[in-house]
Amino acid sequence: MYDHLFGEVVDKLTSRAVIRCGGVGYEVRISLTSASALKVGQQCQVFTVLHVVDGMPTLLGFASRAERELARKLLAVSGVGPSIALALLSVLAPAELAHAITRGDTAALKAVKGVGQKTAERLCLELRDAMAKLDLGPADASGRPLPGQETDDAIAALVTLGYAEKDARDKVEKVRRGKAAPAAGDIEGLVKAVLQM
């Protein structure tokens, strides 16, 4: 129904953004990868997927066509909904995720909250051939700095990805107290650490 939105980013948290197009603000759920590409106050193009479950529509947004195409393939797998698809795309960069699926790396997929052994195996089995056709660039990850208010933003991201708010807050605090806590301001690292708990 919606191919893309082109407009100004008027609000952004780690897992959601509001894009104003023609005077209307569209709220889209986004991955950490897409969040790093969007800047508040700037014009952007966001490629979208309208996902409807039980009559409740959710608009998913992606910074690139390739990431959107990967998300569509993930959503086509039984047992994978928007929360799991966005969690996978938040923990692993699109190229890394495609590479993990291609080589059957179920351990990397199971490191993401909500992905069990059966879902990981299903992803690898059903999507292995499709991954070779996607142009996602090299499978390397680069640090993507995100703005302040890291604790609240990390909790909001986790709630969007399916955590209860109290559980998300407890896990964020646990990561912050740990020896391998991410650097200050590294919301992405904080969310990834919780998703891999």
C-alpha atoms as a PDB file:
ATOM      1  CA  MET A   1       0.000   0.000   0.000  1.00  0.00           C
ATOM      2  CA  TYR A   2       2.799   2.444   0.919  1.00  0.00           C
ATOM      3  CA  ASP A   3       6.075   2.085  -0.965  1.00  0.00           C
ATOM      4  CA  HIS A   4       7.962   4.863   0.777  1.00  0.00           C
ATOM      5  CA  LEU A   5       7.662   8.097   2.710  1.00  0.00           C
ATOM      6  CA  PHE A   6       9.598  11.221   1.791  1.00  0.00           C
ATOM      7  CA  GLY A   7       9.621  14.005   4.328  1.00  0.00           C
ATOM      8  CA  GLU A   8      11.166  15.497   7.432  1.00  0.00           C
ATOM      9  CA  VAL A   9      12.169  13.412  10.424  1.00  0.00           C
ATOM     10  CA  VAL A  10      10.366  15.252  13.239  1.00  0.00           C
ATOM     11  CA  ASP A  11      10.977  12.749  16.044  1.00  0.00           C
ATOM     12  CA  LYS A  12      13.206   9.738  16.518  1.00  0.00           C
ATOM     13  CA  LEU A  13      13.923   7.224  19.216  1.00  0.00           C
ATOM     14  CA  THR A  14      16.044   4.150  18.754  1.00  0.00           C
ATOM     15  CA  SER A  15      13.165   1.982  17.565  1.00  0.00           C
ATOM     16  CA  ARG A  16      10.669   4.431  16.066  1.00  0.00           C
ATOM     17  CA  ALA A  17      10.581   7.608  14.031  1.00  0.00           C
ATOM     18  CA  VAL A  18       7.957  10.106  12.937  1.00  0.00           C
ATOM     19  CA  ILE A  19       8.217  11.283   9.331  1.00  0.00           C
ATOM     20  CA  ARG A  20       6.131  14.338   8.353  1.00  0.00           C
ATOM     21  CA  CYS A  21       4.908  14.134   4.755  1.00  0.00           C
ATOM     22  CA  GLY A  22       2.472  16.707   3.405  1.00  0.00           C
ATOM     23  CA  GLY A  23       1.534  17.858   6.900  1.00  0.00           C
ATOM     24  CA  VAL A  24       0.851  14.321   8.189  1.00  0.00           C
ATOM     25  CA  GLY A  25       3.182  12.638  10.682  1.00  0.00           C
ATOM     26  CA  TYR A  26       3.642   8.906  10.050  1.00  0.00           C
ATOM     27  CA  GLU A  27       4.989   6.828  12.917  1.00  0.00           C
ATOM     28  CA  VAL A  28       7.214   4.009  11.688  1.00  0.00           C
ATOM     29  CA  ARG A  29       8.928   1.237  13.628  1.00  0.00           C
ATOM     30  CA  ILE A  30      12.582   1.012  12.654  1.00  0.00           C
ATOM     31  CA  SER A  31      15.657  -1.120  13.283  1.00  0.00           C
ATOM     32  CA  LEU A  32      18.834   0.254  14.877  1.00  0.00           C
ATOM     33  CA  THR A  33      20.444   0.114  11.436  1.00  0.00           C
ATOM     34  CA  SER A  34      17.789   2.421   9.972  1.00  0.00           C
ATOM     35  CA  ALA A  35      17.732   4.628  13.085  1.00  0.00           C
ATOM     36  CA  SER A  36      21.408   5.485  12.574  1.00  0.00           C
ATOM     37  CA  ALA A  37      20.651   6.776   9.069  1.00  0.00           C
ATOM     38  CA  LEU A  38      17.839   9.128  10.124  1.00  0.00           C
ATOM     39  CA  LYS A  39      18.531  12.585  11.562  1.00  0.00           C
ATOM     40  CA  VAL A  40      15.871  14.748  13.225  1.00  0.00           C
ATOM     41  CA  GLY A  41      15.206  17.908  11.208  1.00  0.00           C
ATOM     42  CA  GLN A  42      16.469  16.463   7.927  1.00  0.00           C
ATOM     43  CA  GLN A  43      14.596  15.272   4.854  1.00  0.00           C
ATOM     44  CA  CYS A  44      14.727  11.548   4.287  1.00  0.00           C
ATOM     45  CA  GLN A  45      13.234   8.758   2.254  1.00  0.00           C
ATOM     46  CA  VAL A  46      12.018   5.756   4.241  1.00  0.00           C
ATOM     47  CA  PHE A  47      10.978   2.565   2.465  1.00  0.00           C
ATOM     48  CA  THR A  48       7.975   1.010   4.156  1.00  0.00           C
ATOM     49  CA  VAL A  49       6.122  -2.220   4.808  1.00  0.00           C
ATOM     50  CA  LEU A  50       2.552  -2.102   6.122  1.00  0.00           C
ATOM     51  CA  HIS A  51       2.100  -5.110   8.389  1.00  0.00           C
ATOM     52  CA  VAL A  52      -1.402  -5.907   9.685  1.00  0.00           C
ATOM     53  CA  VAL A  53      -2.086  -8.462  12.427  1.00  0.00           C
ATOM     54  CA  ASP A  54      -5.579  -8.935  13.895  1.00  0.00           C
ATOM     55  CA  GLY A  55      -6.733  -5.702  12.254  1.00  0.00           C
ATOM     56  CA  MET A  56      -3.923  -3.669  13.863  1.00  0.00           C
ATOM     57  CA  PRO A  57      -1.694  -1.994  11.243  1.00  0.00           C
ATOM     58  CA  THR A  58       1.982  -1.357  11.881  1.00  0.00           C
ATOM     59  CA  LEU A  59       4.149   0.684   9.525  1.00  0.00           C
ATOM     60  CA  LEU A  60       7.726  -0.555   9.375  1.00  0.00           C
ATOM     61  CA  GLY A  61      10.378   1.789   7.970  1.00  0.00           C
ATOM     62  CA  PHE A  62      13.790   1.093   6.448  1.00  0.00           C
ATOM     63  CA  ALA A  63      16.600   3.353   5.307  1.00  0.00           C
ATOM     64  CA  SER A  64      17.269   1.285   2.184  1.00  0.00           C
ATOM     65  CA  ARG A  65      15.340  -0.841  -0.297  1.00  0.00           C
ATOM     66  CA  ALA A  66      17.698  -3.747   0.399  1.00  0.00           C
ATOM     67  CA  GLU A  67      16.959  -3.721   4.136  1.00  0.00           C
ATOM     68  CA  ARG A  68      13.228  -3.558   3.389  1.00  0.00           C
ATOM     69  CA  GLU A  69      13.495  -6.498   0.994  1.00  0.00           C
ATOM     70  CA  LEU A  70      15.352  -8.495   3.642  1.00  0.00           C
ATOM     71  CA  ALA A  71      12.643  -7.619   6.200  1.00  0.00           C
ATOM     72  CA  ARG A  72       9.912  -8.769   3.797  1.00  0.00           C
ATOM     73  CA  LYS A  73      11.658 -12.114   3.415  1.00  0.00           C
ATOM     74  CA  LEU A  74      12.003 -12.459   7.197  1.00  0.00           C
ATOM     75  CA  LEU A  75       8.309 -11.655   7.707  1.00  0.00           C
ATOM     76  CA  ALA A  76       7.332 -14.348   5.199  1.00  0.00           C
ATOM     77  CA  VAL A  77       8.811 -17.024   7.489  1.00  0.00           C
ATOM     78  CA  SER A  78       6.311 -18.669   9.850  1.00  0.00           C
ATOM     79  CA  GLY A  79       6.770 -17.461  13.417  1.00  0.00           C
ATOM     80  CA  VAL A  80       8.574 -14.231  12.459  1.00  0.00           C
ATOM     81  CA  GLY A  81       6.638 -11.025  13.116  1.00  0.00           C
ATOM     82  CA  PRO A  82       7.695  -7.358  13.094  1.00  0.00           C
ATOM     83  CA  SER A  83       9.318  -7.512  16.554  1.00  0.00           C
ATOM     84  CA  ILE A  84      11.569 -10.448  15.676  1.00  0.00           C
ATOM     85  CA  ALA A  85      12.373  -9.074  12.206  1.00  0.00           C
ATOM     86  CA  LEU A  86      13.382  -5.683  13.661  1.00  0.00           C
ATOM     87  CA  ALA A  87      15.338  -7.360  16.471  1.00  0.00           C
ATOM     88  CA  LEU A  88      17.284  -9.423  13.911  1.00  0.00           C
ATOM     89  CA  LEU A  89      18.001  -6.306  11.846  1.00  0.00           C
ATOM     90  CA  SER A  90      19.028  -4.414  14.998  1.00  0.00           C
ATOM     91  CA  VAL A  91      21.477  -7.005  16.331  1.00  0.00           C
ATOM     92  CA  LEU A  92      22.953  -7.902  12.940  1.00  0.00           C
ATOM     93  CA  ALA A  93      23.559  -5.479  10.089  1.00  0.00           C
ATOM     94  CA  PRO A  94      21.605  -6.555   6.983  1.00  0.00           C
ATOM     95  CA  ALA A  95      24.686  -7.999   5.252  1.00  0.00           C
ATOM     96  CA  GLU A  96      25.712  -9.861   8.420  1.00  0.00           C
ATOM     97  CA  LEU A  97      22.206 -11.272   8.840  1.00  0.00           C
ATOM     98  CA  ALA A  98      22.073 -12.470   5.235  1.00  0.00           C
ATOM     99  CA  HIS A  99      25.537 -14.011   5.637  1.00  0.00           C
ATOM    100  CA  ALA A 100      24.502 -15.806   8.850  1.00  0.00           C
ATOM    101  CA  ILE A 101      21.406 -17.231   7.144  1.00  0.00           C
ATOM    102  CA  THR A 102      23.387 -18.291   4.058  1.00  0.00           C
ATOM    103  CA  ARG A 103      25.975 -20.200   6.075  1.00  0.00           C
ATOM    104  CA  GLY A 104      23.346 -21.700   8.414  1.00  0.00           C
ATOM    105  CA  ASP A 105      24.710 -19.952  11.521  1.00  0.00           C
ATOM    106  CA  THR A 106      21.799 -20.703  13.856  1.00  0.00           C
ATOM    107  CA  ALA A 107      23.892 -19.699  16.903  1.00  0.00           C
ATOM    108  CA  ALA A 108      24.154 -16.096  15.631  1.00  0.00           C
ATOM    109  CA  LEU A 109      20.406 -15.995  14.967  1.00  0.00           C
ATOM    110  CA  LYS A 110      19.516 -17.497  18.360  1.00  0.00           C
ATOM    111  CA  ALA A 111      21.476 -14.715  20.074  1.00  0.00           C
ATOM    112  CA  VAL A 112      18.527 -12.445  19.229  1.00  0.00           C
ATOM    113  CA  LYS A 113      15.615 -12.276  21.697  1.00  0.00           C
ATOM    114  CA  GLY A 114      12.633 -14.233  20.469  1.00  0.00           C
ATOM    115  CA  VAL A 115      14.563 -16.459  18.067  1.00  0.00           C
ATOM    116  CA  GLY A 116      14.671 -20.069  19.210  1.00  0.00           C
ATOM    117  CA  GLN A 117      16.303 -23.085  17.617  1.00  0.00           C
ATOM    118  CA  LYS A 118      13.319 -23.944  15.407  1.00  0.00           C
ATOM    119  CA  THR A 119      12.886 -20.382  14.144  1.00  0.00           C
ATOM    120  CA  ALA A 120      16.623 -20.071  13.459  1.00  0.00           C
ATOM    121  CA  GLU A 121      16.614 -23.350  11.523  1.00  0.00           C
ATOM    122  CA  ARG A 122      13.496 -22.293   9.608  1.00  0.00           C
ATOM    123  CA  LEU A 123      15.099 -18.965   8.657  1.00  0.00           C
ATOM    124  CA  CYS A 124      18.196 -20.734   7.335  1.00  0.00           C
ATOM    125  CA  LEU A 125      16.251 -23.416   5.480  1.00  0.00           C
ATOM    126  CA  GLU A 126      13.659 -21.148   3.865  1.00  0.00           C
ATOM    127  CA  LEU A 127      15.812 -18.097   3.106  1.00  0.00           C
ATOM    128  CA  ARG A 128      19.257 -19.497   2.246  1.00  0.00           C
ATOM    129  CA  ASP A 129      18.763 -19.287  -1.530  1.00  0.00           C
ATOM    130  CA  ALA A 130      16.960 -15.921  -1.379  1.00  0.00           C
ATOM    131  CA  MET A 131      19.857 -14.283   0.487  1.00  0.00           C
ATOM    132  CA  ALA A 132      22.227 -14.763  -2.449  1.00  0.00           C
ATOM    133  CA  LYS A 133      19.965 -12.585  -4.617  1.00  0.00           C
ATOM    134  CA  LEU A 134      19.981  -9.587  -2.266  1.00  0.00           C
ATOM    135  CA  ASP A 135      22.553  -6.831  -2.768  1.00  0.00           C
ATOM    136  CA  LEU A 136      23.382  -5.834   0.797  1.00  0.00           C
ATOM    137  CA  GLY A 137      27.033  -4.886   0.502  1.00  0.00           C
ATOM    138  CA  PRO A 138      29.908  -6.343   2.547  1.00  0.00           C
ATOM    139  CA  ALA A 139      29.165  -8.205   5.778  1.00  0.00           C
ATOM    140  CA  ASP A 140      30.894  -5.893   8.203  1.00  0.00           C
ATOM    141  CA  ALA A 141      29.540  -3.838  11.072  1.00  0.00           C
ATOM    142  CA  SER A 142      30.516  -0.285  11.854  1.00  0.00           C
ATOM    143  CA  GLY A 143      29.727   1.633  15.004  1.00  0.00           C
ATOM    144  CA  ARG A 144      26.675   3.844  14.629  1.00  0.00           C
ATOM    145  CA  PRO A 145      26.577   6.575  17.277  1.00  0.00           C
ATOM    146  CA  LEU A 146      23.124   7.571  18.437  1.00  0.00           C
ATOM    147  CA  PRO A 147      21.960  10.583  20.448  1.00  0.00           C
ATOM    148  CA  GLY A 148      21.713  10.952  24.240  1.00  0.00           C
ATOM    149  CA  GLN A 149      19.078   9.869  26.745  1.00  0.00           C
ATOM    150  CA  GLU A 150      20.470   6.410  26.193  1.00  0.00           C
ATOM    151  CA  THR A 151      18.684   4.628  29.026  1.00  0.00           C
ATOM    152  CA  ASP A 152      15.189   5.850  28.099  1.00  0.00           C
ATOM    153  CA  ASP A 153      15.841   5.364  24.397  1.00  0.00           C
ATOM    154  CA  ALA A 154      17.169   1.846  24.963  1.00  0.00           C
ATOM    155  CA  ILE A 155      14.111   0.962  27.070  1.00  0.00           C
ATOM    156  CA  ALA A 156      11.770   2.405  24.414  1.00  0.00           C
ATOM    157  CA  ALA A 157      13.545   0.368  21.740  1.00  0.00           C
ATOM    158  CA  LEU A 158      13.225  -2.819  23.769  1.00  0.00           C
ATOM    159  CA  VAL A 159       9.528  -2.199  24.457  1.00  0.00           C
ATOM    160  CA  THR A 160       8.973  -1.774  20.708  1.00  0.00           C
ATOM    161  CA  LEU A 161      10.856  -5.026  20.139  1.00  0.00           C
ATOM    162  CA  GLY A 162       8.504  -6.886  22.475  1.00  0.00           C
ATOM    163  CA  TYR A 163       9.819  -6.506  26.040  1.00  0.00           C
ATOM    164  CA  ALA A 164       7.621  -5.452  28.943  1.00  0.00           C
ATOM    165  CA  GLU A 165       8.736  -2.022  30.179  1.00  0.00           C
ATOM    166  CA  LYS A 166       9.738  -3.268  33.643  1.00  0.00           C
ATOM    167  CA  ASP A 167      11.692  -6.180  32.144  1.00  0.00           C
ATOM    168  CA  ALA A 168      13.413  -3.837  29.686  1.00  0.00           C
ATOM    169  CA  ARG A 169      14.363  -1.410  32.475  1.00  0.00           C
ATOM    170  CA  ASP A 170      15.725  -4.226  34.663  1.00  0.00           C
ATOM    171  CA  LYS A 171      17.802  -5.659  31.827  1.00  0.00           C
ATOM    172  CA  VAL A 172      19.199  -2.254  30.783  1.00  0.00           C
ATOM    173  CA  GLU A 173      20.251  -1.578  34.372  1.00  0.00           C
ATOM    174  CA  LYS A 174      21.824  -5.030  34.613  1.00  0.00           C
ATOM    175  CA  VAL A 175      23.858  -4.394  31.441  1.00  0.00           C
ATOM    176  CA  ARG A 176      24.918  -0.966  32.744  1.00  0.00           C
ATOM    177  CA  ARG A 177      26.210  -2.530  35.985  1.00  0.00           C
ATOM    178  CA  GLY A 178      28.068  -5.305  34.128  1.00  0.00           C
ATOM    179  CA  LYS A 179      31.783  -5.421  33.424  1.00  0.00           C
ATOM    180  CA  ALA A 180      31.257  -5.250  29.657  1.00  0.00           C
ATOM    181  CA  ALA A 181      28.868  -2.267  29.737  1.00  0.00           C
ATOM    182  CA  PRO A 182      28.824  -0.265  26.474  1.00  0.00           C
ATOM    183  CA  ALA A 183      30.414   3.180  26.378  1.00  0.00           C
ATOM    184  CA  ALA A 184      28.316   6.170  27.416  1.00  0.00           C
ATOM    185  CA  GLY A 185      26.038   7.280  24.598  1.00  0.00           C
ATOM    186  CA  ASP A 186      26.130   3.893  22.857  1.00  0.00           C
ATOM    187  CA  ILE A 187      22.389   3.139  22.786  1.00  0.00           C
ATOM    188  CA  GLU A 188      22.818   0.578  20.050  1.00  0.00           C
ATOM    189  CA  GLY A 189      25.416  -1.306  22.096  1.00  0.00           C
ATOM    190  CA  LEU A 190      23.121  -1.194  25.110  1.00  0.00           C
ATOM    191  CA  VAL A 191      20.149  -2.596  23.179  1.00  0.00           C
ATOM    192  CA  LYS A 192      22.289  -5.263  21.511  1.00  0.00           C
ATOM    193  CA  ALA A 193      23.684  -6.340  24.878  1.00  0.00           C
ATOM    194  CA  VAL A 194      20.150  -6.787  26.260  1.00  0.00           C
ATOM    195  CA  LEU A 195      18.974  -8.632  23.131  1.00  0.00           C
ATOM    196  CA  GLN A 196      21.878 -11.046  23.525  1.00  0.00           C
ATOM    197  CA  MET A 197      21.216 -11.774  27.230  1.00  0.00           C
END
